[in-house]
Amino acid sequence: MSVSIIDGTIEEAVPGRKAMSVRLFKSIVFRLADGSTKTVLKPVVHSEVAGQIQPGTSGRFYLFAAIDHRGLHGLRDDKGHALMHFPRNNEVATLVSALLMGLWVGVALVFRGGIPILPGLVLLLSVPAFFLYRNTRIEAERQFASDNQPVSPAAAAPEPVVGA
């Protein structure tokens, strides 16, 4: 899938619901250095990173886009703190689904001589989905590890508007 970076300041973070080890936000609005804004709708954030998603936080924010959702997987703030946790809920769910459906299909083949339609379809979908989620996580981890330069406060903070 894809990863990206936003350098800026969180202007607004509207929290949504919590689920297991993730926090779903309704939206996060970033103020960029050029004064424009970028809004990320319905991002998924690991609960360890979600605690740092507060209005006024400046720095570099690491985003990802997976098959069916997008989110924020890390940040390096202008104070020198770095935090990275990728939400793996869907990756684990597809792995468990593939294993259970594989077992079901295997047992059905041995005892009934055929493949049940629903478990067969779920198995066919869950295996590639697992690898797509896994590749997105690996790409996000590489992105964060390779970009280990601290963000200067001047680069992350928007410049004041003169004459306004």
N, C-alpha and C. Protein backbone atom coordinates (compact mmCIF):
# COMPACT_ATOMS: atom_id res chain seq x y z
N MET A 1 0.84 -1.15 0.00
CA MET A 1 0.00 0.00 0.00
C MET A 1 0.90 1.22 0.00
N SER A 2 0.75 2.18 0.92
CA SER A 2 1.61 3.35 0.85
C SER A 2 1.81 3.97 2.22
N VAL A 3 2.92 4.68 2.29
CA VAL A 3 3.23 5.44 3.50
C VAL A 3 3.55 6.87 3.07
N SER A 4 3.37 7.80 3.99
CA SER A 4 3.66 9.20 3.71
C SER A 4 4.04 9.91 4.99
N ILE A 5 4.52 11.14 4.83
CA ILE A 5 4.97 11.95 5.97
C ILE A 5 4.29 13.30 5.91
N ILE A 6 3.91 13.81 7.07
CA ILE A 6 3.40 15.17 7.19
C ILE A 6 4.27 15.89 8.22
N ASP A 7 4.84 17.03 7.84
CA ASP A 7 5.55 17.90 8.77
C ASP A 7 4.61 19.05 9.10
N GLY A 8 4.31 19.22 10.38
CA GLY A 8 3.40 20.28 10.76
C GLY A 8 3.00 20.21 12.21
N THR A 9 1.88 20.83 12.51
CA THR A 9 1.35 20.92 13.87
C THR A 9 -0.09 20.42 13.86
N ILE A 10 -0.43 19.63 14.86
CA ILE A 10 -1.81 19.16 14.97
C ILE A 10 -2.66 20.34 15.42
N GLU A 11 -3.63 20.67 14.60
CA GLU A 11 -4.54 21.77 14.91
C GLU A 11 -5.79 21.26 15.63
N GLU A 12 -6.26 20.09 15.20
CA GLU A 12 -7.46 19.50 15.79
C GLU A 12 -7.38 17.99 15.67
N ALA A 13 -7.74 17.30 16.74
CA ALA A 13 -7.81 15.84 16.74
C ALA A 13 -9.13 15.45 17.41
N VAL A 14 -10.06 14.96 16.60
CA VAL A 14 -11.38 14.60 17.11
C VAL A 14 -11.38 13.10 17.41
N PRO A 15 -11.37 12.74 18.70
CA PRO A 15 -11.31 11.31 19.03
C PRO A 15 -12.61 10.60 18.72
N GLY A 16 -12.46 9.34 18.37
CA GLY A 16 -13.60 8.47 18.12
C GLY A 16 -13.59 7.35 19.14
N ARG A 17 -13.93 6.17 18.70
CA ARG A 17 -14.02 5.05 19.63
C ARG A 17 -12.68 4.35 19.82
N LYS A 18 -12.61 3.57 20.89
CA LYS A 18 -11.44 2.75 21.18
C LYS A 18 -11.80 1.30 20.89
N ALA A 19 -10.85 0.56 20.34
CA ALA A 19 -11.05 -0.86 20.07
C ALA A 19 -9.74 -1.59 20.31
N MET A 20 -9.75 -2.53 21.23
CA MET A 20 -8.57 -3.31 21.59
C MET A 20 -7.35 -2.40 21.77
N SER A 21 -6.35 -2.50 20.91
CA SER A 21 -5.13 -1.72 21.10
C SER A 21 -5.05 -0.53 20.15
N VAL A 22 -6.18 -0.11 19.59
CA VAL A 22 -6.18 1.02 18.67
C VAL A 22 -7.19 2.07 19.09
N ARG A 23 -6.95 3.27 18.58
CA ARG A 23 -7.87 4.38 18.79
C ARG A 23 -8.27 4.88 17.42
N LEU A 24 -9.56 5.00 17.18
CA LEU A 24 -10.05 5.52 15.91
C LEU A 24 -10.42 6.98 16.12
N PHE A 25 -9.83 7.85 15.33
CA PHE A 25 -10.16 9.26 15.38
C PHE A 25 -11.17 9.56 14.28
N LYS A 26 -12.03 10.54 14.52
CA LYS A 26 -12.95 10.97 13.47
C LYS A 26 -12.18 11.77 12.42
N SER A 27 -11.25 12.60 12.89
CA SER A 27 -10.38 13.35 11.97
C SER A 27 -9.20 13.92 12.75
N ILE A 28 -8.13 14.15 12.02
CA ILE A 28 -6.98 14.87 12.55
C ILE A 28 -6.63 15.94 11.52
N VAL A 29 -6.55 17.19 11.98
CA VAL A 29 -6.24 18.31 11.09
C VAL A 29 -4.83 18.79 11.41
N PHE A 30 -3.98 18.85 10.39
CA PHE A 30 -2.60 19.30 10.53
C PHE A 30 -2.46 20.68 9.89
N ARG A 31 -1.71 21.56 10.54
CA ARG A 31 -1.34 22.86 9.96
C ARG A 31 0.06 22.68 9.43
N LEU A 32 0.25 22.86 8.13
CA LEU A 32 1.55 22.68 7.49
C LEU A 32 2.37 23.95 7.58
N ALA A 33 3.67 23.86 7.28
CA ALA A 33 4.58 25.00 7.39
C ALA A 33 4.18 26.15 6.48
N ASP A 34 3.56 25.87 5.34
CA ASP A 34 3.16 26.93 4.42
C ASP A 34 1.83 27.58 4.80
N GLY A 35 1.25 27.16 5.94
CA GLY A 35 0.00 27.73 6.42
C GLY A 35 -1.25 26.98 5.98
N SER A 36 -1.12 26.07 5.05
CA SER A 36 -2.28 25.29 4.61
C SER A 36 -2.57 24.19 5.62
N THR A 37 -3.70 23.55 5.45
CA THR A 37 -4.07 22.46 6.35
C THR A 37 -4.23 21.18 5.56
N LYS A 38 -4.04 20.08 6.24
CA LYS A 38 -4.27 18.74 5.67
C LYS A 38 -5.09 17.99 6.69
N THR A 39 -6.21 17.41 6.25
CA THR A 39 -7.10 16.67 7.13
C THR A 39 -7.03 15.19 6.77
N VAL A 40 -6.87 14.36 7.78
CA VAL A 40 -6.90 12.92 7.60
C VAL A 40 -8.19 12.44 8.27
N LEU A 41 -9.09 11.88 7.47
CA LEU A 41 -10.38 11.43 7.98
C LEU A 41 -10.31 9.98 8.44
N LYS A 42 -10.90 9.69 9.57
CA LYS A 42 -11.03 8.36 10.14
C LYS A 42 -9.71 7.59 10.24
N PRO A 43 -8.65 8.23 10.78
CA PRO A 43 -7.39 7.49 10.91
C PRO A 43 -7.41 6.51 12.08
N VAL A 44 -6.71 5.40 11.90
CA VAL A 44 -6.54 4.39 12.94
C VAL A 44 -5.15 4.61 13.53
N VAL A 45 -5.07 4.67 14.86
CA VAL A 45 -3.80 4.95 15.54
C VAL A 45 -3.64 3.96 16.68
N HIS A 46 -2.46 3.36 16.81
CA HIS A 46 -2.19 2.47 17.93
C HIS A 46 -2.35 3.27 19.22
N SER A 47 -2.85 2.64 20.28
CA SER A 47 -3.15 3.36 21.52
C SER A 47 -1.91 4.01 22.14
N GLU A 48 -0.72 3.45 21.92
CA GLU A 48 0.51 4.05 22.46
C GLU A 48 0.82 5.37 21.77
N VAL A 49 0.54 5.46 20.49
CA VAL A 49 0.78 6.69 19.73
C VAL A 49 -0.36 7.68 19.95
N ALA A 50 -1.57 7.16 20.13
CA ALA A 50 -2.76 8.02 20.26
C ALA A 50 -2.65 9.00 21.42
N GLY A 51 -1.94 8.62 22.47
CA GLY A 51 -1.77 9.52 23.61
C GLY A 51 -1.01 10.78 23.27
N GLN A 52 -0.23 10.75 22.21
CA GLN A 52 0.56 11.91 21.78
C GLN A 52 -0.15 12.77 20.75
N ILE A 53 -1.29 12.31 20.27
CA ILE A 53 -2.03 13.05 19.25
C ILE A 53 -2.93 14.07 19.94
N GLN A 54 -2.33 15.22 20.19
CA GLN A 54 -3.01 16.31 20.88
C GLN A 54 -2.84 17.60 20.08
N PRO A 55 -3.83 18.48 20.09
CA PRO A 55 -3.65 19.77 19.42
C PRO A 55 -2.43 20.49 19.99
N GLY A 56 -1.65 21.07 19.09
CA GLY A 56 -0.44 21.77 19.49
C GLY A 56 0.84 20.95 19.34
N THR A 57 0.71 19.66 19.16
CA THR A 57 1.89 18.82 18.97
C THR A 57 2.47 19.10 17.59
N SER A 58 3.76 19.46 17.55
CA SER A 58 4.44 19.78 16.29
C SER A 58 5.51 18.74 16.01
N GLY A 59 5.75 18.49 14.74
CA GLY A 59 6.80 17.57 14.36
C GLY A 59 6.52 16.89 13.05
N ARG A 60 7.06 15.69 12.92
CA ARG A 60 6.88 14.87 11.72
C ARG A 60 5.96 13.71 12.08
N PHE A 61 4.92 13.52 11.27
CA PHE A 61 3.92 12.49 11.51
C PHE A 61 3.96 11.50 10.35
N TYR A 62 3.96 10.21 10.68
CA TYR A 62 4.10 9.14 9.71
C TYR A 62 2.74 8.48 9.50
N LEU A 63 2.28 8.49 8.26
CA LEU A 63 0.97 7.94 7.93
C LEU A 63 1.09 6.72 7.03
N PHE A 64 0.05 5.90 7.03
CA PHE A 64 -0.01 4.73 6.15
C PHE A 64 -1.41 4.62 5.57
N ALA A 65 -1.49 3.91 4.46
CA ALA A 65 -2.78 3.58 3.87
C ALA A 65 -2.75 2.09 3.56
N ALA A 66 -3.68 1.34 4.15
CA ALA A 66 -3.76 -0.10 3.94
C ALA A 66 -4.94 -0.39 3.00
N ILE A 67 -5.34 -1.64 2.93
CA ILE A 67 -6.40 -2.05 2.02
C ILE A 67 -7.69 -1.28 2.28
N ASP A 68 -8.11 -1.24 3.53
CA ASP A 68 -9.42 -0.70 3.85
C ASP A 68 -9.40 0.42 4.88
N HIS A 69 -8.23 0.86 5.27
CA HIS A 69 -8.16 1.95 6.24
C HIS A 69 -6.84 2.69 6.11
N ARG A 70 -6.78 3.83 6.76
CA ARG A 70 -5.56 4.63 6.80
C ARG A 70 -5.32 5.00 8.25
N GLY A 71 -4.11 5.44 8.52
CA GLY A 71 -3.84 5.80 9.90
C GLY A 71 -2.48 6.44 10.08
N LEU A 72 -2.13 6.61 11.33
CA LEU A 72 -0.89 7.24 11.73
C LEU A 72 -0.10 6.20 12.53
N HIS A 73 1.12 5.93 12.14
CA HIS A 73 1.88 4.88 12.81
C HIS A 73 3.08 5.39 13.60
N GLY A 74 3.40 6.65 13.49
CA GLY A 74 4.53 7.15 14.27
C GLY A 74 4.62 8.66 14.24
N LEU A 75 5.47 9.19 15.12
CA LEU A 75 5.71 10.62 15.14
C LEU A 75 7.09 10.90 15.73
N ARG A 76 7.66 11.99 15.29
CA ARG A 76 8.88 12.55 15.88
C ARG A 76 8.53 14.01 16.15
N ASP A 77 8.41 14.35 17.43
CA ASP A 77 7.99 15.72 17.73
C ASP A 77 9.20 16.64 17.76
N ASP A 78 8.93 17.94 17.81
CA ASP A 78 10.01 18.93 17.76
C ASP A 78 10.81 18.99 19.06
N LYS A 79 10.42 18.22 20.06
CA LYS A 79 11.17 18.15 21.32
C LYS A 79 12.16 16.99 21.31
N GLY A 80 12.17 16.23 20.23
CA GLY A 80 13.11 15.12 20.11
C GLY A 80 12.56 13.76 20.46
N HIS A 81 11.29 13.67 20.82
CA HIS A 81 10.68 12.38 21.14
C HIS A 81 10.30 11.65 19.85
N ALA A 82 10.54 10.35 19.81
CA ALA A 82 10.16 9.53 18.67
C ALA A 82 9.35 8.34 19.17
N LEU A 83 8.26 8.05 18.48
CA LEU A 83 7.37 6.97 18.89
C LEU A 83 6.79 6.33 17.63
N MET A 84 6.85 4.98 17.58
CA MET A 84 6.33 4.26 16.43
C MET A 84 5.67 2.97 16.89
N HIS A 85 4.40 2.81 16.57
CA HIS A 85 3.65 1.56 16.79
C HIS A 85 2.64 1.44 15.66
N PHE A 86 2.73 0.35 14.94
CA PHE A 86 1.81 0.12 13.83
C PHE A 86 0.62 -0.69 14.33
N PRO A 87 -0.61 -0.26 14.04
CA PRO A 87 -1.78 -1.04 14.46
C PRO A 87 -1.89 -2.32 13.64
N ARG A 88 -1.74 -3.47 14.29
CA ARG A 88 -1.68 -4.76 13.60
C ARG A 88 -2.97 -5.57 13.70
N ASN A 89 -4.05 -4.99 14.15
CA ASN A 89 -5.29 -5.74 14.35
C ASN A 89 -5.74 -6.48 13.10
N ASN A 90 -5.77 -5.81 11.95
CA ASN A 90 -6.25 -6.46 10.73
C ASN A 90 -5.28 -7.52 10.25
N GLU A 91 -3.99 -7.29 10.43
CA GLU A 91 -3.00 -8.29 10.04
C GLU A 91 -3.20 -9.58 10.83
N VAL A 92 -3.36 -9.46 12.13
CA VAL A 92 -3.57 -10.63 12.99
C VAL A 92 -4.91 -11.30 12.67
N ALA A 93 -5.94 -10.50 12.44
CA ALA A 93 -7.26 -11.06 12.13
C ALA A 93 -7.25 -11.86 10.84
N THR A 94 -6.56 -11.37 9.82
CA THR A 94 -6.51 -12.13 8.57
C THR A 94 -5.67 -13.39 8.71
N LEU A 95 -4.63 -13.35 9.53
CA LEU A 95 -3.83 -14.56 9.76
C LEU A 95 -4.66 -15.63 10.48
N VAL A 96 -5.37 -15.23 11.52
CA VAL A 96 -6.22 -16.17 12.26
C VAL A 96 -7.31 -16.72 11.34
N SER A 97 -7.90 -15.85 10.55
CA SER A 97 -8.95 -16.28 9.62
C SER A 97 -8.40 -17.28 8.60
N ALA A 98 -7.21 -17.01 8.06
CA ALA A 98 -6.62 -17.93 7.09
C ALA A 98 -6.32 -19.28 7.72
N LEU A 99 -5.82 -19.28 8.94
CA LEU A 99 -5.51 -20.54 9.61
C LEU A 99 -6.79 -21.35 9.91
N LEU A 100 -7.80 -20.69 10.45
CA LEU A 100 -9.05 -21.38 10.76
C LEU A 100 -9.76 -21.90 9.51
N MET A 101 -9.81 -21.08 8.48
CA MET A 101 -10.47 -21.51 7.24
C MET A 101 -9.66 -22.61 6.56
N GLY A 102 -8.34 -22.54 6.63
CA GLY A 102 -7.50 -23.60 6.08
C GLY A 102 -7.75 -24.92 6.78
N LEU A 103 -7.89 -24.86 8.10
CA LEU A 103 -8.19 -26.06 8.87
C LEU A 103 -9.56 -26.62 8.48
N TRP A 104 -10.56 -25.74 8.38
CA TRP A 104 -11.91 -26.14 8.01
C TRP A 104 -11.92 -26.80 6.62
N VAL A 105 -11.26 -26.15 5.66
CA VAL A 105 -11.21 -26.69 4.30
C VAL A 105 -10.48 -28.04 4.30
N GLY A 106 -9.39 -28.15 5.05
CA GLY A 106 -8.66 -29.41 5.12
C GLY A 106 -9.48 -30.55 5.69
N VAL A 107 -10.18 -30.27 6.78
CA VAL A 107 -11.04 -31.29 7.39
C VAL A 107 -12.18 -31.66 6.45
N ALA A 108 -12.76 -30.69 5.78
CA ALA A 108 -13.86 -30.97 4.84
C ALA A 108 -13.37 -31.81 3.67
N LEU A 109 -12.16 -31.55 3.19
CA LEU A 109 -11.61 -32.34 2.09
C LEU A 109 -11.41 -33.80 2.50
N VAL A 110 -10.92 -34.00 3.72
CA VAL A 110 -10.65 -35.36 4.19
C VAL A 110 -11.95 -36.12 4.44
N PHE A 111 -12.90 -35.47 5.13
CA PHE A 111 -14.09 -36.20 5.55
C PHE A 111 -15.28 -36.11 4.58
N ARG A 112 -15.35 -35.05 3.77
CA ARG A 112 -16.50 -34.91 2.87
C ARG A 112 -16.10 -34.99 1.41
N GLY A 113 -14.81 -34.86 1.13
CA GLY A 113 -14.34 -34.96 -0.24
C GLY A 113 -14.58 -33.72 -1.08
N GLY A 114 -14.89 -32.59 -0.45
CA GLY A 114 -15.12 -31.35 -1.20
C GLY A 114 -14.79 -30.14 -0.34
N ILE A 115 -14.75 -28.99 -1.00
CA ILE A 115 -14.44 -27.74 -0.30
C ILE A 115 -15.73 -26.96 -0.08
N PRO A 116 -16.06 -26.60 1.19
CA PRO A 116 -17.23 -25.75 1.43
C PRO A 116 -17.00 -24.36 0.80
N ILE A 117 -18.05 -23.80 0.24
CA ILE A 117 -17.92 -22.55 -0.51
C ILE A 117 -17.46 -21.39 0.37
N LEU A 118 -18.15 -21.12 1.47
CA LEU A 118 -17.82 -19.95 2.29
C LEU A 118 -16.40 -20.04 2.88
N PRO A 119 -16.01 -21.13 3.53
CA PRO A 119 -14.64 -21.19 4.04
C PRO A 119 -13.59 -21.12 2.93
N GLY A 120 -13.90 -21.70 1.77
CA GLY A 120 -12.97 -21.63 0.65
C GLY A 120 -12.77 -20.21 0.16
N LEU A 121 -13.86 -19.45 0.05
CA LEU A 121 -13.77 -18.05 -0.37
C LEU A 121 -13.03 -17.19 0.66
N VAL A 122 -13.36 -17.39 1.93
CA VAL A 122 -12.69 -16.63 2.98
C VAL A 122 -11.20 -16.94 2.99
N LEU A 123 -10.84 -18.19 2.81
CA LEU A 123 -9.42 -18.58 2.74
C LEU A 123 -8.74 -17.90 1.55
N LEU A 124 -9.39 -17.91 0.40
CA LEU A 124 -8.82 -17.27 -0.80
C LEU A 124 -8.62 -15.77 -0.62
N LEU A 125 -9.48 -15.13 0.15
CA LEU A 125 -9.35 -13.68 0.37
C LEU A 125 -8.41 -13.34 1.52
N SER A 126 -8.40 -14.16 2.57
CA SER A 126 -7.62 -13.81 3.76
C SER A 126 -6.12 -13.99 3.57
N VAL A 127 -5.70 -14.95 2.76
CA VAL A 127 -4.26 -15.16 2.57
C VAL A 127 -3.60 -13.95 1.89
N PRO A 128 -4.08 -13.48 0.74
CA PRO A 128 -3.44 -12.29 0.15
C PRO A 128 -3.63 -11.04 1.02
N ALA A 129 -4.77 -10.93 1.71
CA ALA A 129 -4.98 -9.77 2.57
C ALA A 129 -3.95 -9.74 3.70
N PHE A 130 -3.64 -10.90 4.27
CA PHE A 130 -2.61 -10.96 5.31
C PHE A 130 -1.29 -10.42 4.78
N PHE A 131 -0.88 -10.86 3.60
CA PHE A 131 0.40 -10.42 3.06
C PHE A 131 0.39 -8.93 2.69
N LEU A 132 -0.74 -8.42 2.24
CA LEU A 132 -0.83 -6.98 1.97
C LEU A 132 -0.72 -6.16 3.25
N TYR A 133 -1.42 -6.57 4.32
CA TYR A 133 -1.30 -5.87 5.60
C TYR A 133 0.13 -5.96 6.15
N ARG A 134 0.72 -7.14 6.04
CA ARG A 134 2.09 -7.36 6.52
C ARG A 134 3.08 -6.47 5.76
N ASN A 135 2.94 -6.40 4.44
CA ASN A 135 3.83 -5.56 3.64
C ASN A 135 3.68 -4.09 3.98
N THR A 136 2.46 -3.65 4.26
CA THR A 136 2.24 -2.26 4.66
C THR A 136 2.95 -1.98 5.98
N ARG A 137 2.85 -2.90 6.94
CA ARG A 137 3.53 -2.73 8.24
C ARG A 137 5.04 -2.68 8.05
N ILE A 138 5.59 -3.58 7.25
CA ILE A 138 7.03 -3.61 7.02
C ILE A 138 7.49 -2.32 6.35
N GLU A 139 6.72 -1.84 5.38
CA GLU A 139 7.05 -0.58 4.70
C GLU A 139 7.01 0.59 5.69
N ALA A 140 6.04 0.60 6.58
CA ALA A 140 5.94 1.65 7.58
C ALA A 140 7.11 1.60 8.56
N GLU A 141 7.50 0.41 8.99
CA GLU A 141 8.64 0.27 9.89
C GLU A 141 9.93 0.74 9.22
N ARG A 142 10.12 0.39 7.95
CA ARG A 142 11.31 0.84 7.20
C ARG A 142 11.32 2.35 7.04
N GLN A 143 10.16 2.91 6.75
CA GLN A 143 10.06 4.36 6.59
C GLN A 143 10.49 5.07 7.86
N PHE A 144 9.97 4.63 9.00
CA PHE A 144 10.28 5.28 10.27
C PHE A 144 11.75 5.10 10.62
N ALA A 145 12.30 3.90 10.41
CA ALA A 145 13.69 3.62 10.76
C ALA A 145 14.66 4.40 9.87
N SER A 146 14.34 4.55 8.60
CA SER A 146 15.25 5.25 7.68
C SER A 146 15.20 6.77 7.84
N ASP A 147 14.12 7.28 8.38
CA ASP A 147 13.97 8.73 8.56
C ASP A 147 14.23 9.07 10.02
N ASN A 148 15.50 8.96 10.42
CA ASN A 148 15.82 9.16 11.84
C ASN A 148 16.39 10.53 12.14
N GLN A 149 16.14 11.50 11.28
CA GLN A 149 16.59 12.85 11.52
C GLN A 149 15.58 13.59 12.39
N PRO A 150 16.04 14.24 13.47
CA PRO A 150 15.09 15.00 14.29
C PRO A 150 14.51 16.17 13.51
N VAL A 151 13.30 16.51 13.83
CA VAL A 151 12.62 17.62 13.16
C VAL A 151 12.90 18.89 13.94
N SER A 152 13.38 19.92 13.24
CA SER A 152 13.65 21.18 13.92
C SER A 152 12.33 21.90 14.18
N PRO A 153 12.23 22.62 15.29
CA PRO A 153 10.98 23.34 15.57
C PRO A 153 10.62 24.33 14.46
N ALA A 154 11.63 24.93 13.83
CA ALA A 154 11.35 25.91 12.78
C ALA A 154 10.73 25.25 11.55
N ALA A 155 11.13 24.01 11.26
CA ALA A 155 10.58 23.32 10.08
C ALA A 155 9.16 22.86 10.31
N ALA A 156 8.82 22.54 11.54
CA ALA A 156 7.50 21.99 11.82
C ALA A 156 6.48 23.07 12.13
N ALA A 157 6.92 24.19 12.70
CA ALA A 157 5.98 25.23 13.12
C ALA A 157 5.62 26.13 11.94
N PRO A 158 4.36 26.48 11.82
CA PRO A 158 3.98 27.40 10.75
C PRO A 158 4.52 28.80 11.02
N GLU A 159 4.87 29.50 9.94
CA GLU A 159 5.37 30.86 10.10
C GLU A 159 4.20 31.80 10.35
N PRO A 160 4.42 32.82 11.17
CA PRO A 160 3.32 33.77 11.41
C PRO A 160 3.02 34.57 10.15
N VAL A 161 1.77 34.94 10.00
CA VAL A 161 1.33 35.73 8.86
C VAL A 161 1.61 37.19 9.15
N VAL A 162 2.34 37.84 8.26
CA VAL A 162 2.70 39.24 8.44
C VAL A 162 1.60 40.11 7.86
N GLY A 163 1.23 41.15 8.60
CA GLY A 163 0.23 42.10 8.11
C GLY A 163 -1.21 41.62 8.24
N ALA A 164 -1.43 40.58 9.02
CA ALA A 164 -2.78 40.07 9.17
C ALA A 164 -3.46 40.65 10.37
